[in-house]
Amino acid sequence: MAQDYGLTMPIGYGVSDEMAFGYDPWYGDDDHGHYHQPMEFLISRGGTVFASMYASGPIGRMAVEEAINGVKYRINRRIMLSKQNK
């Protein structure tokens, strides 16, 4: 996926604390060890983050419906702005 979409940051497995530092992650330290809590980003075609979700526990991931609604909102907003600029 990273190669297909030209992403330059590691996703999922193998992300070190140093790599994640700029994203201000939450960490877990328990009997499972030291690990990053979920961070999710929706990125526009231009590379801008237009939505994000951070979790401070094992539950708290972006629902598929939320991601789809976010994308639909951006599409509708772009259409509306393009009509206003005509």
N, C-alpha and C. Protein backbone atom coordinates (compact mmCIF):
# COMPACT_ATOMS: atom_id res chain seq x y z
N MET A 1 0.83 -1.18 0.00
CA MET A 1 0.00 0.00 0.00
C MET A 1 0.88 1.25 0.00
N ALA A 2 1.93 1.26 0.82
CA ALA A 2 2.81 2.43 0.87
C ALA A 2 3.41 2.71 -0.50
N GLN A 3 3.84 1.68 -1.20
CA GLN A 3 4.42 1.87 -2.54
C GLN A 3 3.35 2.30 -3.54
N ASP A 4 2.17 1.67 -3.49
CA ASP A 4 1.10 1.99 -4.43
C ASP A 4 0.69 3.46 -4.35
N TYR A 5 0.67 4.02 -3.14
CA TYR A 5 0.20 5.38 -2.95
C TYR A 5 1.33 6.39 -2.71
N GLY A 6 2.56 5.94 -2.83
CA GLY A 6 3.69 6.85 -2.69
C GLY A 6 3.88 7.40 -1.28
N LEU A 7 3.45 6.66 -0.27
CA LEU A 7 3.61 7.12 1.10
C LEU A 7 5.08 7.04 1.48
N THR A 8 5.54 8.01 2.24
CA THR A 8 6.94 8.05 2.61
C THR A 8 7.17 7.71 4.08
N MET A 9 6.09 7.50 4.83
CA MET A 9 6.25 7.13 6.24
C MET A 9 5.91 5.66 6.40
N PRO A 10 6.57 4.98 7.33
CA PRO A 10 6.23 3.58 7.58
C PRO A 10 4.81 3.46 8.13
N ILE A 11 4.13 2.43 7.75
CA ILE A 11 2.80 2.19 8.30
C ILE A 11 2.81 0.86 9.03
N GLY A 12 2.14 0.86 10.19
CA GLY A 12 1.98 -0.37 10.94
C GLY A 12 3.28 -0.90 11.49
N TYR A 13 3.58 -2.11 11.16
CA TYR A 13 4.70 -2.85 11.71
C TYR A 13 6.03 -2.15 11.48
N GLY A 14 6.84 -2.06 12.50
CA GLY A 14 8.19 -1.55 12.35
C GLY A 14 8.37 -0.08 12.62
N VAL A 15 7.34 0.62 13.05
CA VAL A 15 7.46 2.05 13.33
C VAL A 15 8.10 2.21 14.71
N SER A 16 9.24 2.88 14.76
CA SER A 16 9.94 3.10 16.03
C SER A 16 9.40 4.34 16.72
N ASP A 17 9.75 4.52 17.98
CA ASP A 17 9.36 5.73 18.71
C ASP A 17 9.89 6.97 18.00
N GLU A 18 11.10 6.91 17.51
CA GLU A 18 11.70 8.05 16.84
C GLU A 18 10.93 8.40 15.55
N MET A 19 10.52 7.39 14.81
CA MET A 19 9.76 7.63 13.58
C MET A 19 8.40 8.25 13.87
N ALA A 20 7.77 7.83 14.95
CA ALA A 20 6.42 8.29 15.28
C ALA A 20 6.40 9.60 16.05
N PHE A 21 7.53 10.05 16.54
CA PHE A 21 7.59 11.21 17.43
C PHE A 21 6.85 12.42 16.87
N GLY A 22 7.02 12.74 15.61
CA GLY A 22 6.40 13.91 15.00
C GLY A 22 4.89 13.84 14.90
N TYR A 23 4.34 12.66 15.08
CA TYR A 23 2.89 12.48 15.01
C TYR A 23 2.24 12.52 16.39
N ASP A 24 3.06 12.71 17.43
CA ASP A 24 2.61 12.82 18.82
C ASP A 24 1.73 11.64 19.24
N PRO A 25 2.25 10.42 19.14
CA PRO A 25 1.44 9.24 19.44
C PRO A 25 1.23 9.00 20.93
N TRP A 26 0.24 8.20 21.21
CA TRP A 26 0.05 7.65 22.55
C TRP A 26 0.80 6.32 22.58
N TYR A 27 1.37 5.98 23.71
CA TYR A 27 2.10 4.73 23.85
C TYR A 27 1.42 3.82 24.86
N GLY A 28 1.57 2.54 24.67
CA GLY A 28 1.14 1.56 25.64
C GLY A 28 2.36 0.90 26.25
N ASP A 29 2.37 0.77 27.53
CA ASP A 29 3.42 0.05 28.26
C ASP A 29 2.72 -0.85 29.26
N ASP A 30 2.66 -2.12 28.94
CA ASP A 30 2.00 -3.05 29.85
C ASP A 30 2.59 -4.44 29.66
N ASP A 31 1.85 -5.46 30.05
CA ASP A 31 2.39 -6.82 29.94
C ASP A 31 2.62 -7.26 28.49
N HIS A 32 2.10 -6.49 27.52
CA HIS A 32 2.36 -6.77 26.10
C HIS A 32 3.62 -6.09 25.61
N GLY A 33 4.21 -5.23 26.45
CA GLY A 33 5.42 -4.52 26.07
C GLY A 33 5.15 -3.05 25.80
N HIS A 34 6.04 -2.42 25.07
CA HIS A 34 5.93 -1.00 24.70
C HIS A 34 5.44 -0.96 23.25
N TYR A 35 4.38 -0.22 22.99
CA TYR A 35 3.81 -0.19 21.65
C TYR A 35 3.05 1.11 21.43
N HIS A 36 2.85 1.46 20.16
CA HIS A 36 2.08 2.65 19.79
C HIS A 36 0.61 2.31 19.77
N GLN A 37 -0.18 3.23 20.28
CA GLN A 37 -1.63 3.11 20.14
C GLN A 37 -2.00 3.56 18.73
N PRO A 38 -3.20 3.22 18.26
CA PRO A 38 -3.58 3.54 16.88
C PRO A 38 -3.56 5.03 16.57
N MET A 39 -3.08 5.33 15.37
CA MET A 39 -3.15 6.67 14.78
C MET A 39 -3.62 6.47 13.35
N GLU A 40 -4.64 7.19 12.98
CA GLU A 40 -5.16 7.04 11.62
C GLU A 40 -5.29 8.42 10.99
N PHE A 41 -4.99 8.49 9.70
CA PHE A 41 -5.03 9.76 9.00
C PHE A 41 -5.75 9.56 7.67
N LEU A 42 -6.61 10.53 7.30
CA LEU A 42 -7.17 10.59 5.96
C LEU A 42 -6.43 11.71 5.25
N ILE A 43 -5.84 11.39 4.12
CA ILE A 43 -4.98 12.33 3.41
C ILE A 43 -5.59 12.67 2.06
N SER A 44 -5.67 13.96 1.76
CA SER A 44 -6.25 14.40 0.49
C SER A 44 -5.32 14.07 -0.67
N ARG A 45 -5.82 14.26 -1.87
CA ARG A 45 -5.00 14.01 -3.06
C ARG A 45 -3.76 14.88 -3.07
N GLY A 46 -3.86 16.07 -2.50
CA GLY A 46 -2.72 16.98 -2.47
C GLY A 46 -1.74 16.70 -1.34
N GLY A 47 -2.03 15.68 -0.52
CA GLY A 47 -1.12 15.30 0.55
C GLY A 47 -1.41 15.96 1.89
N THR A 48 -2.53 16.66 2.01
CA THR A 48 -2.91 17.31 3.25
C THR A 48 -3.72 16.36 4.12
N VAL A 49 -3.40 16.31 5.40
CA VAL A 49 -4.20 15.52 6.33
C VAL A 49 -5.50 16.28 6.57
N PHE A 50 -6.64 15.68 6.23
CA PHE A 50 -7.90 16.36 6.46
C PHE A 50 -8.71 15.73 7.59
N ALA A 51 -8.26 14.63 8.11
CA ALA A 51 -8.90 14.03 9.29
C ALA A 51 -7.89 13.11 9.95
N SER A 52 -7.98 13.03 11.27
CA SER A 52 -7.10 12.12 11.99
C SER A 52 -7.82 11.58 13.20
N MET A 53 -7.33 10.48 13.71
CA MET A 53 -7.91 9.85 14.89
C MET A 53 -6.77 9.23 15.68
N TYR A 54 -6.70 9.60 16.93
CA TYR A 54 -5.71 9.03 17.85
C TYR A 54 -6.46 8.25 18.92
N ALA A 55 -5.92 7.16 19.35
CA ALA A 55 -6.53 6.39 20.43
C ALA A 55 -5.56 6.31 21.60
N SER A 56 -6.12 6.25 22.79
CA SER A 56 -5.29 6.11 23.99
C SER A 56 -5.50 4.74 24.62
N GLY A 57 -6.06 3.84 23.87
CA GLY A 57 -6.30 2.49 24.34
C GLY A 57 -6.52 1.56 23.17
N PRO A 58 -6.76 0.30 23.44
CA PRO A 58 -6.87 -0.68 22.36
C PRO A 58 -8.13 -0.53 21.50
N ILE A 59 -9.10 0.24 21.98
CA ILE A 59 -10.31 0.47 21.19
C ILE A 59 -10.33 1.93 20.80
N GLY A 60 -10.78 2.24 19.62
CA GLY A 60 -10.85 3.62 19.18
C GLY A 60 -10.30 3.79 17.79
N ARG A 61 -10.80 3.01 16.89
CA ARG A 61 -10.36 3.14 15.51
C ARG A 61 -11.46 3.81 14.70
N MET A 62 -11.04 4.51 13.64
CA MET A 62 -11.99 5.18 12.78
C MET A 62 -12.88 4.14 12.10
N ALA A 63 -14.17 4.34 12.20
CA ALA A 63 -15.10 3.43 11.54
C ALA A 63 -15.07 3.68 10.03
N VAL A 64 -15.29 2.65 9.27
CA VAL A 64 -15.30 2.76 7.81
C VAL A 64 -16.29 3.84 7.38
N GLU A 65 -17.46 3.86 8.02
CA GLU A 65 -18.49 4.84 7.66
C GLU A 65 -17.99 6.27 7.88
N GLU A 66 -17.22 6.47 8.95
CA GLU A 66 -16.67 7.81 9.21
C GLU A 66 -15.71 8.23 8.11
N ALA A 67 -14.85 7.32 7.70
CA ALA A 67 -13.90 7.62 6.63
C ALA A 67 -14.63 7.93 5.33
N ILE A 68 -15.63 7.12 5.00
CA ILE A 68 -16.41 7.34 3.77
C ILE A 68 -17.13 8.68 3.83
N ASN A 69 -17.75 9.00 4.97
CA ASN A 69 -18.44 10.29 5.12
C ASN A 69 -17.47 11.45 4.98
N GLY A 70 -16.26 11.30 5.52
CA GLY A 70 -15.26 12.36 5.38
C GLY A 70 -14.88 12.59 3.93
N VAL A 71 -14.69 11.52 3.19
CA VAL A 71 -14.34 11.64 1.77
C VAL A 71 -15.51 12.25 0.99
N LYS A 72 -16.74 11.79 1.26
CA LYS A 72 -17.91 12.36 0.58
C LYS A 72 -18.06 13.85 0.87
N TYR A 73 -17.82 14.23 2.11
CA TYR A 73 -17.90 15.64 2.48
C TYR A 73 -16.91 16.46 1.66
N ARG A 74 -15.67 15.97 1.56
CA ARG A 74 -14.65 16.70 0.80
C ARG A 74 -15.03 16.82 -0.68
N ILE A 75 -15.58 15.75 -1.24
CA ILE A 75 -16.00 15.79 -2.65
C ILE A 75 -17.11 16.81 -2.83
N ASN A 76 -18.13 16.75 -1.98
CA ASN A 76 -19.25 17.68 -2.09
C ASN A 76 -18.81 19.12 -1.88
N ARG A 77 -17.88 19.33 -0.95
CA ARG A 77 -17.36 20.68 -0.70
C ARG A 77 -16.62 21.21 -1.92
N ARG A 78 -15.82 20.36 -2.54
CA ARG A 78 -15.09 20.77 -3.73
C ARG A 78 -16.06 21.13 -4.85
N ILE A 79 -17.12 20.34 -5.03
CA ILE A 79 -18.13 20.62 -6.07
C ILE A 79 -18.82 21.95 -5.78
N MET A 80 -19.22 22.18 -4.52
CA MET A 80 -19.90 23.40 -4.14
C MET A 80 -19.00 24.62 -4.38
N LEU A 81 -17.74 24.53 -3.98
CA LEU A 81 -16.82 25.65 -4.16
C LEU A 81 -16.57 25.93 -5.64
N SER A 82 -16.51 24.88 -6.44
CA SER A 82 -16.28 25.07 -7.87
C SER A 82 -17.48 25.77 -8.51
N LYS A 83 -18.70 25.47 -8.06
CA LYS A 83 -19.90 26.14 -8.58
C LYS A 83 -19.92 27.60 -8.16
N GLN A 84 -19.48 27.90 -6.95
CA GLN A 84 -19.47 29.27 -6.45
C GLN A 84 -18.46 30.13 -7.21
N ASN A 85 -17.40 29.53 -7.67
CA ASN A 85 -16.34 30.28 -8.34
C ASN A 85 -16.61 30.49 -9.83
N LYS A 86 -17.74 30.02 -10.34
CA LYS A 86 -18.07 30.19 -11.76
C LYS A 86 -18.80 31.48 -11.98
